[in-house]
């Protein structure tokens, strides 16, 4: 069972509703530094559609960023066209303290054409990107606050993110695709869409940065057969 369910009783008294803009902050008003956001799980909604509630930050927590990018293609000359980052905090000895501090998702107009294969994969059209730009201050703030970064197929994301945000290169990156024994846990492949399907996590849409980061967040919060969240396995 996803351990987010254990949080429900803690957060019923107060909650805030996330904004719906796919290219800005998830919250209409940003949370204060002393507040965290926690999931109120609803099995009928995708991770991106969940509601969130506030509670005090616990001391001794670790802070990480989950990052995902969509690009014009896969070569060194290609560019980021969509970036999503979630800043989360947790305590290794208490999985109940797995919470969101901040998040951002944005798009940018590229200077090269979207590769046909890449475009077919994520479905982002050139016309959709016109006039769009990333909020570098928001992304930098999340990366600067993170002690380390998590990504599925991390070498790919790291190459593109560090080219645009140099500070990401000094962070420790953990790959959730290779850093967890997915096959040993009974999964047929290590591909994120297949892992989400195996764990019955509905993203609403795949190969989009915002949906994939929230889905990965929920996947990492899911307990393995060993009884602890997958997040802790990748950090070993």
Foldseek 3Di string as FASTA:
>chain_A
DQCLCVCQVVFPVFWDAFPDDQAWWRHPDADDQQKWWGFNDDLVDALSRTTIGIDGQDPPKAKEKEKDFQWLDQDLPIATFKIKIWIWIDHPVDLNRTTTRTIGIRGAQDPDHRDPVSCVVQVDHNVNHPPTDHPVVVVQVRLVRHQAYEYAVVVRVLSRVCVPVVSNVVHHYFHLLPQFPVVVLVFPHSDQVSLCVVVVRDLVDPPHTSSSRSSVSSQQSGATPVGGGVVVSRVD
